[in-house]
Amino acid sequence: MDKVISTAAEAVADIPDGATLTVGGFGLCGIPSVLINALLEAGATDLEVVSNNAGVDDWGLGLLLGAGRLRRVVASYVGENKEFARQYLSGDLEVELTPQGTLAERMRAGGSGIAAFYTRTGVGTQIAQGGLPWKYDDAGNVIKTSPEKPLMTFETRDGEQEFVLEEAILADFGIIRAWKGDRHGNLVFKDSARNFNPLAAMAGQVTIVEVEELVEPGEIPPNEVHLPGVYVHRVVPLTPEQAAEKRIEKRTVR
């Protein structure tokens, strides 16, 4: 099945207000910047985004954030975005901070048909006990906090240990970026872009990928496929200029 869509605008046109999206990328590496810009132009608002981080002020998800399009963010790291902090602390944005490995597994579980899983990460902290501030009002008062999560004791090689229950994540749409992909949606990722893009794709009920290099089916050897096309619904080939535009989160010089 040929899944190629000619433009990013067409690929995101049916993402409605209020949708939940899983978004790939690690820092600014491998983020679906062209699809994010198309979504910005499309005007969808009141979005909930699940992503490892929230971009920076002028790139990636930071563009949707700055335009006031995001209602809620589930992420593991948000430290590079001053506008994110402002909106969170002023009550404009709800935020669920999640340990990075737990966030990755919640998305993978969603795409694998696993409703929930137990993990040691977060036991003995507010991750399990609840009470983390999710939302403030405009006066700085906490008005919504994380819930307490179920615990269960399991026998391990180190004896009995407590584990906390974490629920899987499923999103209406997943938007990701791949280094190479074919018309059937089989994908290859490069370096750190592989960290979260496959997981964000798995968790999306409709997954859209922008690919830097589009090839024909069969050109990617089966053993080199990082994500099979069963998880991908729309493929947007990038122009060479779009593929080349990659930002550096923190540029360090000697």
C-alpha atoms as a PDB file:
ATOM      1  CA  MET A   1       0.000   0.000   0.000  1.00  0.00           C
ATOM      2  CA  ASP A   2       1.424   3.372  -1.029  1.00  0.00           C
ATOM      3  CA  LYS A   3       1.163   5.640   2.019  1.00  0.00           C
ATOM      4  CA  VAL A   4       2.864   8.705   0.553  1.00  0.00           C
ATOM      5  CA  ILE A   5       1.138  12.065   1.074  1.00  0.00           C
ATOM      6  CA  SER A   6       2.539  14.851  -1.064  1.00  0.00           C
ATOM      7  CA  THR A   7       2.514  17.659   1.511  1.00  0.00           C
ATOM      8  CA  ALA A   8       2.749  18.021   5.261  1.00  0.00           C
ATOM      9  CA  ALA A   9      -0.296  20.306   5.212  1.00  0.00           C
ATOM     10  CA  GLU A  10      -2.419  17.551   3.690  1.00  0.00           C
ATOM     11  CA  ALA A  11      -1.037  14.969   6.105  1.00  0.00           C
ATOM     12  CA  VAL A  12      -2.088  16.897   9.247  1.00  0.00           C
ATOM     13  CA  ALA A  13      -5.276  18.460   7.885  1.00  0.00           C
ATOM     14  CA  ASP A  14      -7.596  16.153   9.835  1.00  0.00           C
ATOM     15  CA  ILE A  15      -5.940  16.622  13.244  1.00  0.00           C
ATOM     16  CA  PRO A  16      -8.766  18.278  15.201  1.00  0.00           C
ATOM     17  CA  ASP A  17      -8.842  20.649  18.140  1.00  0.00           C
ATOM     18  CA  GLY A  18      -8.428  18.740  21.390  1.00  0.00           C
ATOM     19  CA  ALA A  19      -6.452  15.851  19.872  1.00  0.00           C
ATOM     20  CA  THR A  20      -3.752  13.973  21.760  1.00  0.00           C
ATOM     21  CA  LEU A  21      -0.422  13.576  19.941  1.00  0.00           C
ATOM     22  CA  THR A  22       2.721  11.599  20.593  1.00  0.00           C
ATOM     23  CA  VAL A  23       5.670  13.485  19.106  1.00  0.00           C
ATOM     24  CA  GLY A  24       9.048  11.930  18.342  1.00  0.00           C
ATOM     25  CA  GLY A  25      12.499  13.364  18.850  1.00  0.00           C
ATOM     26  CA  PHE A  26      15.174  13.621  21.501  1.00  0.00           C
ATOM     27  CA  GLY A  27      16.013  17.209  22.354  1.00  0.00           C
ATOM     28  CA  LEU A  28      15.983  18.803  18.903  1.00  0.00           C
ATOM     29  CA  CYS A  29      17.336  15.633  17.288  1.00  0.00           C
ATOM     30  CA  GLY A  30      14.858  13.885  15.037  1.00  0.00           C
ATOM     31  CA  ILE A  31      11.884  16.098  15.775  1.00  0.00           C
ATOM     32  CA  PRO A  32       9.180  16.260  13.074  1.00  0.00           C
ATOM     33  CA  SER A  33       9.732  19.984  12.522  1.00  0.00           C
ATOM     34  CA  VAL A  34       7.994  20.153   9.146  1.00  0.00           C
ATOM     35  CA  LEU A  35       4.870  18.446  10.455  1.00  0.00           C
ATOM     36  CA  ILE A  36       4.891  20.675  13.540  1.00  0.00           C
ATOM     37  CA  ASN A  37       5.046  23.770  11.324  1.00  0.00           C
ATOM     38  CA  ALA A  38       2.195  22.402   9.194  1.00  0.00           C
ATOM     39  CA  LEU A  39       0.137  21.794  12.325  1.00  0.00           C
ATOM     40  CA  LEU A  40       0.860  25.357  13.429  1.00  0.00           C
ATOM     41  CA  GLU A  41      -0.390  26.666  10.092  1.00  0.00           C
ATOM     42  CA  ALA A  42      -3.467  24.406  10.219  1.00  0.00           C
ATOM     43  CA  GLY A  43      -4.621  26.113  13.409  1.00  0.00           C
ATOM     44  CA  ALA A  44      -5.451  23.100  15.591  1.00  0.00           C
ATOM     45  CA  THR A  45      -5.627  24.099  19.245  1.00  0.00           C
ATOM     46  CA  ASP A  46      -6.305  22.728  22.732  1.00  0.00           C
ATOM     47  CA  LEU A  47      -3.834  19.918  22.002  1.00  0.00           C
ATOM     48  CA  GLU A  48      -2.341  17.431  24.438  1.00  0.00           C
ATOM     49  CA  VAL A  49       1.212  16.466  23.527  1.00  0.00           C
ATOM     50  CA  VAL A  50       3.242  13.509  24.755  1.00  0.00           C
ATOM     51  CA  SER A  51       6.942  13.922  24.014  1.00  0.00           C
ATOM     52  CA  ASN A  52      10.297  13.491  25.678  1.00  0.00           C
ATOM     53  CA  ASN A  53      10.683  17.267  25.831  1.00  0.00           C
ATOM     54  CA  ALA A  54       8.892  20.401  24.690  1.00  0.00           C
ATOM     55  CA  GLY A  55      11.360  21.866  22.214  1.00  0.00           C
ATOM     56  CA  VAL A  56      12.862  25.314  22.657  1.00  0.00           C
ATOM     57  CA  ASP A  57      11.249  28.733  22.515  1.00  0.00           C
ATOM     58  CA  ASP A  58      11.599  29.206  18.764  1.00  0.00           C
ATOM     59  CA  TRP A  59      11.686  25.670  17.352  1.00  0.00           C
ATOM     60  CA  GLY A  60       9.851  22.389  17.485  1.00  0.00           C
ATOM     61  CA  LEU A  61       6.971  22.091  19.922  1.00  0.00           C
ATOM     62  CA  GLY A  62       8.002  25.475  21.308  1.00  0.00           C
ATOM     63  CA  LEU A  63       6.277  27.026  18.281  1.00  0.00           C
ATOM     64  CA  LEU A  64       2.918  25.429  19.165  1.00  0.00           C
ATOM     65  CA  LEU A  65       3.455  26.354  22.793  1.00  0.00           C
ATOM     66  CA  GLY A  66       4.226  29.989  21.970  1.00  0.00           C
ATOM     67  CA  ALA A  67       1.086  30.219  19.852  1.00  0.00           C
ATOM     68  CA  GLY A  68      -1.033  29.006  22.762  1.00  0.00           C
ATOM     69  CA  ARG A  69      -2.056  25.778  21.011  1.00  0.00           C
ATOM     70  CA  LEU A  70      -1.154  23.343  23.797  1.00  0.00           C
ATOM     71  CA  ARG A  71      -3.470  22.494  26.685  1.00  0.00           C
ATOM     72  CA  ARG A  72      -1.456  19.722  28.306  1.00  0.00           C
ATOM     73  CA  VAL A  73       2.054  18.278  28.023  1.00  0.00           C
ATOM     74  CA  VAL A  74       3.335  14.895  29.192  1.00  0.00           C
ATOM     75  CA  ALA A  75       7.137  14.957  29.114  1.00  0.00           C
ATOM     76  CA  SER A  76      10.269  13.950  30.983  1.00  0.00           C
ATOM     77  CA  TYR A  77      12.346  17.122  30.484  1.00  0.00           C
ATOM     78  CA  VAL A  78      11.298  20.720  29.916  1.00  0.00           C
ATOM     79  CA  GLY A  79      14.290  22.738  31.054  1.00  0.00           C
ATOM     80  CA  GLU A  80      15.197  24.478  27.779  1.00  0.00           C
ATOM     81  CA  ASN A  81      11.943  26.383  27.284  1.00  0.00           C
ATOM     82  CA  LYS A  82      11.279  29.591  29.222  1.00  0.00           C
ATOM     83  CA  GLU A  83       7.824  30.043  27.704  1.00  0.00           C
ATOM     84  CA  PHE A  84       6.931  26.553  28.886  1.00  0.00           C
ATOM     85  CA  ALA A  85       7.859  27.496  32.453  1.00  0.00           C
ATOM     86  CA  ARG A  86       5.902  30.737  32.227  1.00  0.00           C
ATOM     87  CA  GLN A  87       2.725  29.074  30.988  1.00  0.00           C
ATOM     88  CA  TYR A  88       2.968  26.260  33.521  1.00  0.00           C
ATOM     89  CA  LEU A  89       3.489  28.534  36.511  1.00  0.00           C
ATOM     90  CA  SER A  90       0.810  31.019  35.406  1.00  0.00           C
ATOM     91  CA  GLY A  91      -1.863  28.336  35.012  1.00  0.00           C
ATOM     92  CA  ASP A  92      -2.091  28.313  31.213  1.00  0.00           C
ATOM     93  CA  LEU A  93      -0.646  24.818  30.775  1.00  0.00           C
ATOM     94  CA  GLU A  94      -1.130  21.476  32.503  1.00  0.00           C
ATOM     95  CA  VAL A  95       2.070  19.436  32.840  1.00  0.00           C
ATOM     96  CA  GLU A  96       2.636  15.797  33.751  1.00  0.00           C
ATOM     97  CA  LEU A  97       6.331  15.168  34.332  1.00  0.00           C
ATOM     98  CA  THR A  98       7.274  11.496  33.930  1.00  0.00           C
ATOM     99  CA  PRO A  99      10.608   9.673  34.346  1.00  0.00           C
ATOM    100  CA  GLN A 100      12.204   9.265  30.928  1.00  0.00           C
ATOM    101  CA  GLY A 101      12.353   5.477  30.868  1.00  0.00           C
ATOM    102  CA  THR A 102       8.815   5.211  32.190  1.00  0.00           C
ATOM    103  CA  LEU A 103       7.573   7.582  29.498  1.00  0.00           C
ATOM    104  CA  ALA A 104       9.281   5.510  26.807  1.00  0.00           C
ATOM    105  CA  GLU A 105       7.777   2.280  28.133  1.00  0.00           C
ATOM    106  CA  ARG A 106       4.299   3.808  28.482  1.00  0.00           C
ATOM    107  CA  MET A 107       4.325   4.627  24.765  1.00  0.00           C
ATOM    108  CA  ARG A 108       5.777   1.255  23.798  1.00  0.00           C
ATOM    109  CA  ALA A 109       3.172  -0.500  25.914  1.00  0.00           C
ATOM    110  CA  GLY A 110       0.376   1.452  24.262  1.00  0.00           C
ATOM    111  CA  GLY A 111       1.555   0.356  20.841  1.00  0.00           C
ATOM    112  CA  SER A 112       1.935  -3.248  21.985  1.00  0.00           C
ATOM    113  CA  GLY A 113      -1.549  -3.669  23.410  1.00  0.00           C
ATOM    114  CA  ILE A 114      -0.341  -3.687  27.033  1.00  0.00           C
ATOM    115  CA  ALA A 115      -2.709  -1.712  29.256  1.00  0.00           C
ATOM    116  CA  ALA A 116      -0.272  -1.093  32.120  1.00  0.00           C
ATOM    117  CA  PHE A 117       2.934  -2.383  33.700  1.00  0.00           C
ATOM    118  CA  TYR A 118       4.773  -2.344  37.021  1.00  0.00           C
ATOM    119  CA  THR A 119       8.143  -0.630  37.474  1.00  0.00           C
ATOM    120  CA  ARG A 120      10.496   0.147  40.351  1.00  0.00           C
ATOM    121  CA  THR A 121      11.065   3.672  39.028  1.00  0.00           C
ATOM    122  CA  GLY A 122       9.301   6.208  41.226  1.00  0.00           C
ATOM    123  CA  VAL A 123       8.607   3.965  44.214  1.00  0.00           C
ATOM    124  CA  GLY A 124       8.943   5.967  47.422  1.00  0.00           C
ATOM    125  CA  THR A 125       8.548   9.298  45.632  1.00  0.00           C
ATOM    126  CA  GLN A 126       5.661  11.533  44.604  1.00  0.00           C
ATOM    127  CA  ILE A 127       5.585   9.674  41.291  1.00  0.00           C
ATOM    128  CA  ALA A 128       3.934   6.835  43.228  1.00  0.00           C
ATOM    129  CA  GLN A 129       2.538   8.724  46.217  1.00  0.00           C
ATOM    130  CA  GLY A 130       0.876  11.459  44.179  1.00  0.00           C
ATOM    131  CA  GLY A 131       0.791  15.169  44.863  1.00  0.00           C
ATOM    132  CA  LEU A 132       3.007  16.437  42.046  1.00  0.00           C
ATOM    133  CA  PRO A 133       1.612  19.762  40.807  1.00  0.00           C
ATOM    134  CA  TRP A 134       0.009  19.284  37.390  1.00  0.00           C
ATOM    135  CA  LYS A 135      -1.711  22.650  37.123  1.00  0.00           C
ATOM    136  CA  TYR A 136      -1.596  26.056  38.836  1.00  0.00           C
ATOM    137  CA  ASP A 137      -4.085  28.907  38.811  1.00  0.00           C
ATOM    138  CA  ASP A 138      -3.084  32.431  37.811  1.00  0.00           C
ATOM    139  CA  ALA A 139      -2.280  33.248  41.442  1.00  0.00           C
ATOM    140  CA  GLY A 140       0.274  30.455  41.727  1.00  0.00           C
ATOM    141  CA  ASN A 141      -1.897  28.053  43.719  1.00  0.00           C
ATOM    142  CA  VAL A 142      -1.809  24.346  42.845  1.00  0.00           C
ATOM    143  CA  ILE A 143      -5.271  23.324  41.642  1.00  0.00           C
ATOM    144  CA  LYS A 144      -4.555  19.863  40.214  1.00  0.00           C
ATOM    145  CA  THR A 145      -2.070  17.241  41.367  1.00  0.00           C
ATOM    146  CA  SER A 146      -0.972  13.805  40.250  1.00  0.00           C
ATOM    147  CA  PRO A 147      -2.928  10.880  41.683  1.00  0.00           C
ATOM    148  CA  GLU A 148      -1.606   8.174  43.969  1.00  0.00           C
ATOM    149  CA  LYS A 149      -0.696   5.064  41.980  1.00  0.00           C
ATOM    150  CA  PRO A 150      -1.238   1.417  42.951  1.00  0.00           C
ATOM    151  CA  LEU A 151       1.718  -0.486  44.402  1.00  0.00           C
ATOM    152  CA  MET A 152       2.376  -4.220  44.358  1.00  0.00           C
ATOM    153  CA  THR A 153       5.098  -6.324  45.940  1.00  0.00           C
ATOM    154  CA  PHE A 154       6.945  -8.833  43.772  1.00  0.00           C
ATOM    155  CA  GLU A 155       9.664 -11.340  44.552  1.00  0.00           C
ATOM    156  CA  THR A 156      12.959 -10.359  42.875  1.00  0.00           C
ATOM    157  CA  ARG A 157      16.544 -11.649  43.002  1.00  0.00           C
ATOM    158  CA  ASP A 158      17.088  -9.112  45.795  1.00  0.00           C
ATOM    159  CA  GLY A 159      14.056 -10.236  47.754  1.00  0.00           C
ATOM    160  CA  GLU A 160      10.611  -8.674  47.884  1.00  0.00           C
ATOM    161  CA  GLN A 161      10.401  -5.250  46.222  1.00  0.00           C
ATOM    162  CA  GLU A 162       7.619  -2.763  45.694  1.00  0.00           C
ATOM    163  CA  PHE A 163       6.640  -1.734  42.166  1.00  0.00           C
ATOM    164  CA  VAL A 164       4.358   1.063  40.978  1.00  0.00           C
ATOM    165  CA  LEU A 165       1.685   0.639  38.320  1.00  0.00           C
ATOM    166  CA  GLU A 166       2.060   2.842  35.246  1.00  0.00           C
ATOM    167  CA  GLU A 167      -0.634   3.040  32.567  1.00  0.00           C
ATOM    168  CA  ALA A 168       0.113   2.831  28.847  1.00  0.00           C
ATOM    169  CA  ILE A 169      -0.202   5.839  26.568  1.00  0.00           C
ATOM    170  CA  LEU A 170      -2.310   5.829  23.425  1.00  0.00           C
ATOM    171  CA  ALA A 171      -2.707   8.964  21.310  1.00  0.00           C
ATOM    172  CA  ASP A 172      -5.040  10.003  18.527  1.00  0.00           C
ATOM    173  CA  PHE A 173      -2.086  10.821  16.287  1.00  0.00           C
ATOM    174  CA  GLY A 174       1.658  10.211  16.296  1.00  0.00           C
ATOM    175  CA  ILE A 175       3.956  12.566  14.389  1.00  0.00           C
ATOM    176  CA  ILE A 176       7.570  11.523  13.871  1.00  0.00           C
ATOM    177  CA  ARG A 177      10.650  11.947  11.691  1.00  0.00           C
ATOM    178  CA  ALA A 178      12.770   9.237  10.059  1.00  0.00           C
ATOM    179  CA  TRP A 179      16.074   9.300   8.189  1.00  0.00           C
ATOM    180  CA  LYS A 180      14.853   6.892   5.517  1.00  0.00           C
ATOM    181  CA  GLY A 181      11.524   5.340   4.672  1.00  0.00           C
ATOM    182  CA  ASP A 182       9.763   3.535   1.851  1.00  0.00           C
ATOM    183  CA  ARG A 183       6.287   3.984   0.424  1.00  0.00           C
ATOM    184  CA  HIS A 184       4.911   1.254   2.678  1.00  0.00           C
ATOM    185  CA  GLY A 185       6.048   3.101   5.811  1.00  0.00           C
ATOM    186  CA  ASN A 186       9.016   0.925   6.764  1.00  0.00           C
ATOM    187  CA  LEU A 187      11.466   3.242   8.517  1.00  0.00           C
ATOM    188  CA  VAL A 188      15.102   3.655   9.487  1.00  0.00           C
ATOM    189  CA  PHE A 189      16.213   6.177  12.122  1.00  0.00           C
ATOM    190  CA  LYS A 190      19.642   7.672  12.629  1.00  0.00           C
ATOM    191  CA  ASP A 191      21.507   7.909  15.924  1.00  0.00           C
ATOM    192  CA  SER A 192      19.616   9.637  18.768  1.00  0.00           C
ATOM    193  CA  ALA A 193      16.522  10.126  16.605  1.00  0.00           C
ATOM    194  CA  ARG A 194      15.836   6.442  17.242  1.00  0.00           C
ATOM    195  CA  ASN A 195      15.355   7.014  20.983  1.00  0.00           C
ATOM    196  CA  PHE A 196      11.717   8.149  20.927  1.00  0.00           C
ATOM    197  CA  ASN A 197      10.480   8.241  17.326  1.00  0.00           C
ATOM    198  CA  PRO A 198       9.621   4.514  17.079  1.00  0.00           C
ATOM    199  CA  LEU A 199       7.792   4.639  20.414  1.00  0.00           C
ATOM    200  CA  ALA A 200       5.818   7.757  19.487  1.00  0.00           C
ATOM    201  CA  ALA A 201       4.845   6.013  16.244  1.00  0.00           C
ATOM    202  CA  MET A 202       3.668   2.890  18.046  1.00  0.00           C
ATOM    203  CA  ALA A 203       1.440   4.839  20.435  1.00  0.00           C
ATOM    204  CA  GLY A 204      -0.374   6.836  17.737  1.00  0.00           C
ATOM    205  CA  GLN A 205      -3.607   5.426  16.342  1.00  0.00           C
ATOM    206  CA  VAL A 206      -2.796   7.358  13.159  1.00  0.00           C
ATOM    207  CA  THR A 207       0.925   7.900  12.689  1.00  0.00           C
ATOM    208  CA  ILE A 208       2.411  10.419  10.261  1.00  0.00           C
ATOM    209  CA  VAL A 209       6.108  10.416   9.410  1.00  0.00           C
ATOM    210  CA  GLU A 210       8.263  12.914   7.574  1.00  0.00           C
ATOM    211  CA  VAL A 211      11.177  11.158   5.877  1.00  0.00           C
ATOM    212  CA  GLU A 212      14.449  12.720   4.809  1.00  0.00           C
ATOM    213  CA  GLU A 213      14.952  10.135   2.078  1.00  0.00           C
ATOM    214  CA  LEU A 214      12.084   8.282   0.385  1.00  0.00           C
ATOM    215  CA  VAL A 215      12.947   4.968  -1.273  1.00  0.00           C
ATOM    216  CA  GLU A 216      10.968   2.292  -3.041  1.00  0.00           C
ATOM    217  CA  PRO A 217       9.664  -0.823  -1.253  1.00  0.00           C
ATOM    218  CA  GLY A 218      12.377  -3.460  -1.040  1.00  0.00           C
ATOM    219  CA  GLU A 219      15.272  -0.994  -1.045  1.00  0.00           C
ATOM    220  CA  ILE A 220      15.571  -1.183   2.747  1.00  0.00           C
ATOM    221  CA  PRO A 221      16.851  -4.660   3.697  1.00  0.00           C
ATOM    222  CA  PRO A 222      14.411  -6.284   6.158  1.00  0.00           C
ATOM    223  CA  ASN A 223      17.093  -6.644   8.838  1.00  0.00           C
ATOM    224  CA  GLU A 224      17.737  -2.892   8.700  1.00  0.00           C
ATOM    225  CA  VAL A 225      14.130  -1.819   9.293  1.00  0.00           C
ATOM    226  CA  HIS A 226      13.840  -0.142  12.702  1.00  0.00           C
ATOM    227  CA  LEU A 227      10.060   0.294  12.582  1.00  0.00           C
ATOM    228  CA  PRO A 228       7.794  -1.745  10.305  1.00  0.00           C
ATOM    229  CA  GLY A 229       5.185  -0.031   8.185  1.00  0.00           C
ATOM    230  CA  VAL A 230       2.298  -1.591  10.130  1.00  0.00           C
ATOM    231  CA  TYR A 231       2.709   1.278  12.616  1.00  0.00           C
ATOM    232  CA  VAL A 232       2.772   4.015   9.951  1.00  0.00           C
ATOM    233  CA  HIS A 233      -0.231   5.424   8.078  1.00  0.00           C
ATOM    234  CA  ARG A 234       1.087   8.463   6.180  1.00  0.00           C
ATOM    235  CA  VAL A 235       4.527   9.199   4.739  1.00  0.00           C
ATOM    236  CA  VAL A 236       5.580  12.751   3.835  1.00  0.00           C
ATOM    237  CA  PRO A 237       8.802  13.022   1.796  1.00  0.00           C
ATOM    238  CA  LEU A 238      10.881  16.085   2.629  1.00  0.00           C
ATOM    239  CA  THR A 239      12.661  18.303   0.153  1.00  0.00           C
ATOM    240  CA  PRO A 240      16.466  18.421   0.442  1.00  0.00           C
ATOM    241  CA  GLU A 241      16.161  21.880   2.021  1.00  0.00           C
ATOM    242  CA  GLN A 242      13.662  20.652   4.609  1.00  0.00           C
ATOM    243  CA  ALA A 243      15.766  17.597   5.400  1.00  0.00           C
ATOM    244  CA  ALA A 244      18.880  19.731   5.870  1.00  0.00           C
ATOM    245  CA  GLU A 245      17.336  22.183   8.343  1.00  0.00           C
ATOM    246  CA  LYS A 246      18.374  20.886  11.744  1.00  0.00           C
ATOM    247  CA  ARG A 247      18.838  23.051  14.800  1.00  0.00           C
ATOM    248  CA  ILE A 248      21.384  22.590  17.582  1.00  0.00           C
ATOM    249  CA  GLU A 249      19.946  22.820  21.064  1.00  0.00           C
ATOM    250  CA  LYS A 250      23.101  24.164  22.706  1.00  0.00           C
ATOM    251  CA  ARG A 251      26.014  25.221  20.556  1.00  0.00           C
ATOM    252  CA  THR A 252      29.344  25.014  22.376  1.00  0.00           C
ATOM    253  CA  VAL A 253      32.536  26.487  20.986  1.00  0.00           C
ATOM    254  CA  ARG A 254      36.057  26.596  22.326  1.00  0.00           C
END
